C-alpha atoms as a PDB file:
ATOM      1  CA  MET A   1      -0.077  -0.057  -0.119  1.00  0.00           C
ATOM      2  CA  ALA A   2       1.225   3.336  -0.663  1.00  0.00           C
ATOM      3  CA  THR A   3       0.366   4.983   2.552  1.00  0.00           C
ATOM      4  CA  LYS A   4      -0.330   3.948   6.078  1.00  0.00           C
ATOM      5  CA  THR A   5      -3.712   5.587   6.098  1.00  0.00           C
ATOM      6  CA  LYS A   6      -4.814   3.995   3.037  1.00  0.00           C
ATOM      7  CA  GLN A   7      -3.920   0.276   3.954  1.00  0.00           C
ATOM      8  CA  GLN A   8      -5.619   0.989   7.301  1.00  0.00           C
ATOM      9  CA  THR A   9      -8.719   2.040   5.472  1.00  0.00           C
ATOM     10  CA  TRP A  10      -8.548  -0.470   2.903  1.00  0.00           C
ATOM     11  CA  LEU A  11      -7.824  -3.709   4.729  1.00  0.00           C
ATOM     12  CA  LYS A  12      -9.969  -2.776   7.741  1.00  0.00           C
ATOM     13  CA  HIS A  13     -12.915  -2.060   5.372  1.00  0.00           C
ATOM     14  CA  GLN A  14     -12.582  -5.468   3.817  1.00  0.00           C
ATOM     15  CA  ARG A  15     -12.381  -7.251   7.088  1.00  0.00           C
ATOM     16  CA  LEU A  16     -15.617  -5.177   8.655  1.00  0.00           C
ATOM     17  CA  ARG A  17     -17.539  -6.187   5.200  1.00  0.00           C
ATOM     18  CA  LYS A  18     -17.114  -9.793   6.061  1.00  0.00           C
ATOM     19  CA  GLY A  19     -17.846  -8.944   9.876  1.00  0.00           C
ATOM     20  CA  LEU A  20     -14.566 -10.530  11.200  1.00  0.00           C
ATOM     21  CA  THR A  21     -12.281  -9.526  14.023  1.00  0.00           C
ATOM     22  CA  GLN A  22      -8.867  -9.234  13.573  1.00  0.00           C
ATOM     23  CA  LYS A  23      -8.367 -12.318  15.623  1.00  0.00           C
ATOM     24  CA  ASP A  24     -10.881 -14.281  13.312  1.00  0.00           C
ATOM     25  CA  VAL A  25      -9.052 -13.045  10.176  1.00  0.00           C
ATOM     26  CA  ALA A  26      -5.569 -14.242  11.472  1.00  0.00           C
ATOM     27  CA  SER A  27      -6.867 -17.373  12.695  1.00  0.00           C
ATOM     28  CA  LYS A  28      -8.393 -18.452   9.395  1.00  0.00           C
ATOM     29  CA  ALA A  29      -5.182 -17.172   7.491  1.00  0.00           C
ATOM     30  CA  ASN A  30      -3.183 -19.332   9.984  1.00  0.00           C
ATOM     31  CA  ILE A  31      -1.237 -16.147  11.141  1.00  0.00           C
ATOM     32  CA  ALA A  32      -0.543 -14.637  14.508  1.00  0.00           C
ATOM     33  CA  ARG A  33      -3.149 -11.826  15.277  1.00  0.00           C
ATOM     34  CA  THR A  34      -0.248  -9.525  15.899  1.00  0.00           C
ATOM     35  CA  THR A  35       0.979 -10.008  12.567  1.00  0.00           C
ATOM     36  CA  TYR A  36      -2.382  -9.406  10.964  1.00  0.00           C
ATOM     37  CA  ALA A  37      -2.873  -6.301  13.230  1.00  0.00           C
ATOM     38  CA  SER A  38       0.397  -4.902  12.073  1.00  0.00           C
ATOM     39  CA  ILE A  39      -0.220  -5.363   8.398  1.00  0.00           C
ATOM     40  CA  GLU A  40      -3.573  -3.844   8.961  1.00  0.00           C
ATOM     41  CA  GLN A  41      -2.283  -0.725  10.557  1.00  0.00           C
ATOM     42  CA  GLY A  42       0.547  -0.301   7.810  1.00  0.00           C
ATOM     43  CA  GLU A  43       3.370  -1.125  10.387  1.00  0.00           C
ATOM     44  CA  ARG A  44       4.406  -4.205   8.394  1.00  0.00           C
ATOM     45  CA  ASN A  45       4.079  -5.322   4.868  1.00  0.00           C
ATOM     46  CA  ALA A  46       2.529  -8.685   3.768  1.00  0.00           C
ATOM     47  CA  SER A  47       4.584 -11.173   2.423  1.00  0.00           C
ATOM     48  CA  VAL A  48       3.188 -12.823  -0.741  1.00  0.00           C
ATOM     49  CA  PRO A  49       2.201 -16.122   1.134  1.00  0.00           C
ATOM     50  CA  THR A  50       0.416 -14.042   3.956  1.00  0.00           C
ATOM     51  CA  ALA A  51      -1.211 -11.698   1.291  1.00  0.00           C
ATOM     52  CA  LYS A  52      -2.293 -14.865  -0.369  1.00  0.00           C
ATOM     53  CA  ALA A  53      -3.819 -16.182   2.876  1.00  0.00           C
ATOM     54  CA  ILE A  54      -5.399 -13.000   4.094  1.00  0.00           C
ATOM     55  CA  ALA A  55      -7.070 -12.260   0.612  1.00  0.00           C
ATOM     56  CA  ASP A  56      -8.434 -15.903   0.692  1.00  0.00           C
ATOM     57  CA  VAL A  57     -10.046 -15.143   4.124  1.00  0.00           C
ATOM     58  CA  LEU A  58     -11.366 -11.797   2.998  1.00  0.00           C
ATOM     59  CA  ASP A  59     -12.424 -12.709  -0.631  1.00  0.00           C
ATOM     60  CA  PHE A  60     -10.303 -10.376  -2.731  1.00  0.00           C
ATOM     61  CA  ASP A  61      -7.542 -10.576  -5.237  1.00  0.00           C
ATOM     62  CA  TRP A  62      -4.168 -10.804  -3.315  1.00  0.00           C
ATOM     63  CA  THR A  63      -2.411  -8.622  -5.793  1.00  0.00           C
ATOM     64  CA  LEU A  64      -4.243  -5.803  -4.367  1.00  0.00           C
ATOM     65  CA  PHE A  65      -1.674  -5.764  -1.500  1.00  0.00           C
ATOM     66  CA  PHE A  66       1.160  -4.700  -3.876  1.00  0.00           C
ATOM     67  CA  ASP A  67      -1.153  -2.817  -6.456  1.00  0.00           C
ATOM     68  CA  ASP A  68       0.110   0.871  -5.473  1.00  0.00           C
ATOM     69  CA  GLN A  69       3.980  -0.597  -5.710  1.00  0.00           C
ATOM     70  CA  VAL A  70       3.479  -2.053  -8.994  1.00  0.00           C
ATOM     71  CA  ARG A  71       1.888   1.226 -10.344  1.00  0.00           C
ATOM     72  CA  ASP A  72       4.480   3.319  -8.880  1.00  0.00           C
ATOM     73  CA  SER A  73       7.443   1.307 -10.281  1.00  0.00           C
ATOM     74  CA  SER A  74       5.783   1.117 -13.499  1.00  0.00           C
ATOM     75  CA  SER A  75       5.839   5.144 -13.656  1.00  0.00           C
ATOM     76  CA  GLY A  76       9.361   5.416 -12.555  1.00  0.00           C
ATOM     77  CA  LYS A  77       8.617   6.524  -8.810  1.00  0.00           C
ATOM     78  CA  ASN A  78      10.730   5.388  -6.139  1.00  0.00           C
ATOM     79  CA  THR A  79       8.561   3.490  -3.668  1.00  0.00           C
ATOM     80  CA  ALA A  80      11.273   2.964  -1.011  1.00  0.00           C
END
């Protein structure tokens, strides 16, 4: 995600849309709740396997986790 606020809003919305808690998502994705919380809060980036697991639980395309990074790199912007 491009910004912390955007990631917080986007991922939290996906979770709430399904009526799930952070603990629910983490449990279903087989990751620690603290890991999920850090990703949702923008403090940590999801690895590809973790992104796929979370996306499977929340029913969206896992590449959305990396959409902004891909778009920025294709436009020549530095995402670091």
